[in-house]
């Protein structure tokens, strides 16, 4: 029997990496002299793990047509030819897109917090920005920070296909520069979503709190705070980004001015509020 996995983006979350490892282990066990008892157990473990994400997708409110089109356009782009034009060179990839379940979760947070002003630190092709904009009232605004001019233009083209795209204002510059500018202008936001350069997460966090960019009673959502599971693996197995996220998690947890919870959603989402 040959086990197959449907075509999917590269495994980049703790769960999808685990499913891939279980798949490979089961294939190896089938090709070696492994007992039926062990094979049956591995099959059960794999089935339980592999079925989770498809189930979550099926029973989460469907994304809008505009979000579907944006995700499809992102998946069809050859990102191997595109690199960030910011201070830190990074290769872009379709896996940077938030996706259906996380997008609907962020949209739900906007509804729950009754946010009218949202700040997104790191936009990529705009999936999460548009998902949150869909939940904003007609006079709401989402300011999106994006360092890469190509993906900013890519996203803005997609936003034109949605009646909610006009709520989004894109700031093309390094995120730290934009945060300082917004702070100097006295702007504040009800919900802030951070998903940019992982090595700058601590700086983003400090600027947001120190400059009152977060409105009273506001919520900070931070993406990739499990970083492919590296944060709880031995430190020698961490990448530069993995080490940066581990440090960010430590800084947040030791800050008595905030409360936080890490949700095992996709690659980890931390919710933070000022006490």
Protein backbone atom coordinates (compact mmCIF):
# COMPACT_ATOMS: atom_id res chain seq x y z
CA UNK A 1 0.00 0.00 0.00
CA UNK A 2 1.38 3.43 -0.96
CA UNK A 3 0.34 6.37 1.16
CA UNK A 4 -0.09 9.69 -0.60
CA UNK A 5 -0.57 13.23 0.64
CA UNK A 6 -2.52 15.71 -1.49
CA UNK A 7 -0.49 18.52 -3.03
CA UNK A 8 0.05 21.12 -0.37
CA UNK A 9 2.40 24.01 0.32
CA UNK A 10 5.65 23.15 2.09
CA UNK A 11 5.22 21.99 5.68
CA UNK A 12 6.06 25.03 7.82
CA UNK A 13 4.04 24.63 11.01
CA UNK A 14 4.57 22.23 13.94
CA UNK A 15 1.47 20.28 12.94
CA UNK A 16 2.18 19.96 9.21
CA UNK A 17 5.82 19.06 9.93
CA UNK A 18 4.61 16.40 12.37
CA UNK A 19 2.21 14.97 9.77
CA UNK A 20 5.01 14.84 7.20
CA UNK A 21 7.34 13.09 9.65
CA UNK A 22 4.65 10.57 10.54
CA UNK A 23 3.96 9.94 6.86
CA UNK A 24 7.65 9.30 6.18
CA UNK A 25 7.97 7.09 9.27
CA UNK A 26 4.98 5.02 8.22
CA UNK A 27 6.41 4.61 4.72
CA UNK A 28 9.72 3.50 6.22
CA UNK A 29 7.99 1.06 8.54
CA UNK A 30 6.06 -0.46 5.62
CA UNK A 31 9.31 -1.02 3.71
CA UNK A 32 11.05 -2.76 6.61
CA UNK A 33 10.37 -5.78 8.77
CA UNK A 34 7.99 -3.97 11.11
CA UNK A 35 5.33 -5.84 13.06
CA UNK A 36 1.68 -5.44 12.12
CA UNK A 37 0.97 -4.17 15.62
CA UNK A 38 3.41 -1.26 15.19
CA UNK A 39 2.17 -0.57 11.66
CA UNK A 40 -1.43 -0.43 12.88
CA UNK A 41 -0.47 1.96 15.67
CA UNK A 42 1.49 4.22 13.30
CA UNK A 43 -1.42 4.24 10.86
CA UNK A 44 -3.81 5.29 13.63
CA UNK A 45 -1.47 8.06 14.78
CA UNK A 46 -0.97 9.33 11.24
CA UNK A 47 -4.71 9.25 10.47
CA UNK A 48 -5.48 11.21 13.64
CA UNK A 49 -2.83 13.85 12.89
CA UNK A 50 -3.43 14.15 9.14
CA UNK A 51 -7.18 14.59 9.50
CA UNK A 52 -7.06 17.63 11.78
CA UNK A 53 -6.31 20.48 9.36
CA UNK A 54 -8.75 19.32 6.64
CA UNK A 55 -11.45 19.08 9.32
CA UNK A 56 -10.71 22.58 10.63
CA UNK A 57 -10.87 23.96 7.09
CA UNK A 58 -14.16 22.20 6.32
CA UNK A 59 -15.94 23.40 9.45
CA UNK A 60 -14.62 26.97 9.53
CA UNK A 61 -16.75 29.63 7.83
CA UNK A 62 -15.75 29.70 4.14
CA UNK A 63 -13.55 32.53 2.97
CA UNK A 64 -14.95 35.21 0.68
CA UNK A 65 -14.54 35.01 -3.10
CA UNK A 66 -12.00 37.86 -2.91
CA UNK A 67 -9.89 35.96 -0.38
CA UNK A 68 -10.08 32.80 -2.48
CA UNK A 69 -8.89 34.74 -5.53
CA UNK A 70 -6.07 36.35 -3.54
CA UNK A 71 -4.88 32.98 -2.20
CA UNK A 72 -5.00 31.43 -5.68
CA UNK A 73 -3.07 34.31 -7.22
CA UNK A 74 -0.45 34.03 -4.47
CA UNK A 75 -0.05 30.28 -5.05
CA UNK A 76 0.42 30.80 -8.80
CA UNK A 77 3.18 33.39 -8.43
CA UNK A 78 6.80 32.22 -8.85
CA UNK A 79 8.13 33.55 -5.55
CA UNK A 80 11.53 31.93 -6.11
CA UNK A 81 12.34 34.90 -8.35
CA UNK A 82 11.31 37.48 -5.76
CA UNK A 83 13.29 38.77 -2.80
CA UNK A 84 12.49 41.45 -0.26
CA UNK A 85 13.94 44.83 -1.15
CA UNK A 86 14.19 45.89 2.48
CA UNK A 87 17.25 46.15 4.67
CA UNK A 88 17.12 42.43 5.38
CA UNK A 89 17.13 40.27 2.24
CA UNK A 90 14.68 37.37 2.49
CA UNK A 91 13.23 35.05 -0.07
CA UNK A 92 9.47 35.26 -0.41
CA UNK A 93 7.32 32.12 -0.50
CA UNK A 94 3.62 31.31 -0.72
CA UNK A 95 3.71 29.74 2.76
CA UNK A 96 3.93 33.27 4.18
CA UNK A 97 0.22 33.66 3.43
CA UNK A 98 -1.93 33.32 6.58
CA UNK A 99 -4.55 31.08 5.01
CA UNK A 100 -8.19 30.24 5.57
CA UNK A 101 -8.44 29.25 9.25
CA UNK A 102 -6.04 31.89 10.56
CA UNK A 103 -7.67 34.52 8.36
CA UNK A 104 -11.12 33.71 9.73
CA UNK A 105 -9.70 33.71 13.27
CA UNK A 106 -8.28 37.21 12.82
CA UNK A 107 -11.58 38.31 11.29
CA UNK A 108 -13.35 36.94 14.37
CA UNK A 109 -10.98 38.88 16.65
CA UNK A 110 -11.91 42.10 14.85
CA UNK A 111 -15.59 41.32 15.40
CA UNK A 112 -15.06 40.36 19.06
CA UNK A 113 -13.01 43.45 19.92
CA UNK A 114 -15.31 45.74 17.89
CA UNK A 115 -12.14 47.22 16.43
CA UNK A 116 -12.39 50.23 14.14
CA UNK A 117 -8.67 50.76 13.66
CA UNK A 118 -6.32 47.86 12.89
CA UNK A 119 -2.56 47.88 12.34
CA UNK A 120 -0.85 45.03 10.51
CA UNK A 121 2.94 44.84 10.85
CA UNK A 122 3.96 42.78 7.82
CA UNK A 123 1.36 42.25 5.09
CA UNK A 124 2.83 40.00 2.34
CA UNK A 125 0.12 39.61 -0.35
CA UNK A 126 -2.64 40.88 1.91
CA UNK A 127 -4.68 37.82 2.85
CA UNK A 128 -4.85 38.57 6.58
CA UNK A 129 -5.28 42.29 5.91
CA UNK A 130 -8.30 41.70 3.69
CA UNK A 131 -9.77 39.11 6.07
CA UNK A 132 -9.64 41.63 8.93
CA UNK A 133 -10.90 44.47 6.72
CA UNK A 134 -13.98 42.41 5.94
CA UNK A 135 -14.93 42.61 9.64
CA UNK A 136 -14.30 46.34 10.00
CA UNK A 137 -17.23 48.77 9.94
CA UNK A 138 -17.65 50.92 6.85
CA UNK A 139 -15.69 53.75 8.48
CA UNK A 140 -12.95 51.43 9.78
CA UNK A 141 -9.33 51.58 8.66
CA UNK A 142 -6.53 49.03 8.47
CA UNK A 143 -2.97 50.32 8.12
CA UNK A 144 -0.68 47.65 6.67
CA UNK A 145 3.12 47.88 6.91
CA UNK A 146 5.00 46.15 4.08
CA UNK A 147 8.68 46.52 3.25
CA UNK A 148 8.50 44.97 -0.22
CA UNK A 149 7.11 47.24 -2.94
CA UNK A 150 6.35 44.33 -5.31
CA UNK A 151 4.13 42.44 -2.88
CA UNK A 152 2.53 45.70 -1.75
CA UNK A 153 1.48 46.37 -5.36
CA UNK A 154 0.43 42.71 -5.73
CA UNK A 155 -1.81 43.02 -2.67
CA UNK A 156 -3.33 46.34 -3.67
CA UNK A 157 -4.35 44.85 -7.02
CA UNK A 158 -6.13 42.06 -5.16
CA UNK A 159 -7.82 44.52 -2.79
CA UNK A 160 -9.52 46.16 -5.79
CA UNK A 161 -11.59 42.98 -6.21
CA UNK A 162 -13.20 43.43 -2.80
CA UNK A 163 -15.67 46.05 -1.54
CA UNK A 164 -13.61 46.07 1.67
CA UNK A 165 -10.29 46.82 -0.03
CA UNK A 166 -10.82 50.58 0.30
CA UNK A 167 -10.50 50.24 4.09
CA UNK A 168 -6.83 49.23 3.73
CA UNK A 169 -4.00 51.77 3.61
CA UNK A 170 -0.58 50.32 2.75
CA UNK A 171 2.61 51.89 4.07
CA UNK A 172 5.64 50.72 2.04
CA UNK A 173 8.72 51.04 4.26
CA UNK A 174 10.60 49.04 6.90
CA UNK A 175 8.07 48.29 9.64
CA UNK A 176 10.12 49.97 12.38
CA UNK A 177 10.17 53.22 10.38
CA UNK A 178 6.42 53.08 9.89
CA UNK A 179 5.78 52.34 13.57
CA UNK A 180 7.88 55.33 14.62
CA UNK A 181 6.04 57.54 12.13
CA UNK A 182 2.62 56.41 13.31
CA UNK A 183 3.65 56.96 16.92
CA UNK A 184 4.88 60.48 16.15
CA UNK A 185 1.53 61.20 14.50
CA UNK A 186 -0.24 60.11 17.68
CA UNK A 187 -2.11 57.25 16.04
CA UNK A 188 -3.44 54.30 18.02
CA UNK A 189 -5.10 51.02 17.09
CA UNK A 190 -7.66 48.70 18.64
CA UNK A 191 -6.03 45.57 17.22
CA UNK A 192 -2.44 45.08 16.08
CA UNK A 193 -1.30 42.01 14.14
CA UNK A 194 2.46 41.37 13.98
CA UNK A 195 3.79 39.13 11.20
CA UNK A 196 7.00 40.69 9.88
CA UNK A 197 10.76 40.28 10.43
CA UNK A 198 11.05 37.82 13.33
CA UNK A 199 14.36 39.30 14.47
CA UNK A 200 12.58 42.61 15.08
CA UNK A 201 9.65 41.23 17.10
CA UNK A 202 10.97 42.49 20.45
CA UNK A 203 11.48 45.96 18.98
CA UNK A 204 7.96 45.98 17.51
CA UNK A 205 6.55 44.92 20.88
CA UNK A 206 8.44 47.60 22.80
CA UNK A 207 7.55 50.41 20.38
CA UNK A 208 3.88 49.46 20.41
CA UNK A 209 3.69 49.52 24.20
CA UNK A 210 6.02 52.46 24.84
CA UNK A 211 4.48 54.71 22.18
CA UNK A 212 0.83 53.97 23.03
CA UNK A 213 0.17 52.64 19.53
CA UNK A 214 -2.15 50.13 21.23
CA UNK A 215 -5.40 51.82 22.27
CA UNK A 216 -6.73 51.23 25.81
CA UNK A 217 -8.34 47.79 25.92
CA UNK A 218 -6.66 46.88 22.63
CA UNK A 219 -5.35 43.47 21.56
CA UNK A 220 -2.01 42.48 20.03
CA UNK A 221 -1.90 39.30 17.92
CA UNK A 222 1.52 37.93 17.04
CA UNK A 223 2.07 35.29 14.35
CA UNK A 224 4.66 32.48 14.14
CA UNK A 225 5.28 32.31 17.89
CA UNK A 226 5.80 28.53 17.74
CA UNK A 227 8.14 28.86 14.72
CA UNK A 228 7.92 25.33 13.35
CA UNK A 229 8.26 23.95 16.90
CA UNK A 230 11.79 25.30 17.20
CA UNK A 231 10.97 27.34 20.31
CA UNK A 232 10.49 24.21 22.41
CA UNK A 233 13.19 22.10 20.75
CA UNK A 234 16.82 22.16 21.99
CA UNK A 235 18.42 25.54 21.25
CA UNK A 236 21.02 24.00 18.92
CA UNK A 237 18.16 22.98 16.58
CA UNK A 238 16.90 26.55 16.20
CA UNK A 239 17.40 28.76 13.18
CA UNK A 240 18.11 32.47 13.56
CA UNK A 241 14.37 33.13 13.37
CA UNK A 242 13.66 30.31 15.81
CA UNK A 243 16.07 31.83 18.32
CA UNK A 244 14.53 35.28 17.80
CA UNK A 245 11.02 33.99 18.46
CA UNK A 246 12.15 32.06 21.54
CA UNK A 247 13.62 35.30 22.88
CA UNK A 248 10.46 37.24 22.02
CA UNK A 249 8.30 34.71 23.87
CA UNK A 250 10.59 35.01 26.90
CA UNK A 251 10.43 38.83 26.85
CA UNK A 252 6.63 38.84 26.67
CA UNK A 253 6.24 36.22 29.40
CA UNK A 254 8.52 38.19 31.75
CA UNK A 255 6.73 41.51 31.20
CA UNK A 256 4.42 42.15 34.17
CA UNK A 257 2.56 44.86 32.22
CA UNK A 258 0.87 42.36 29.90
CA UNK A 259 -1.05 39.10 29.90
CA UNK A 260 -0.64 36.65 27.05
CA UNK A 261 -1.69 33.25 25.75
CA UNK A 262 -0.15 31.23 22.90
CA UNK A 263 -2.69 29.52 20.65
CA UNK A 264 -1.47 26.45 18.69
CA UNK A 265 -3.06 27.87 15.54
CA UNK A 266 -1.03 27.25 12.39
CA UNK A 267 2.52 28.31 13.35
CA UNK A 268 1.43 29.74 16.71
CA UNK A 269 -0.50 32.93 17.45
CA UNK A 270 0.05 34.83 20.69
CA UNK A 271 -2.65 37.13 22.07
CA UNK A 272 -1.38 39.96 24.28
CA UNK A 273 -3.24 42.59 26.29
CA UNK A 274 -2.00 45.32 28.61
CA UNK A 275 -2.93 44.71 32.24
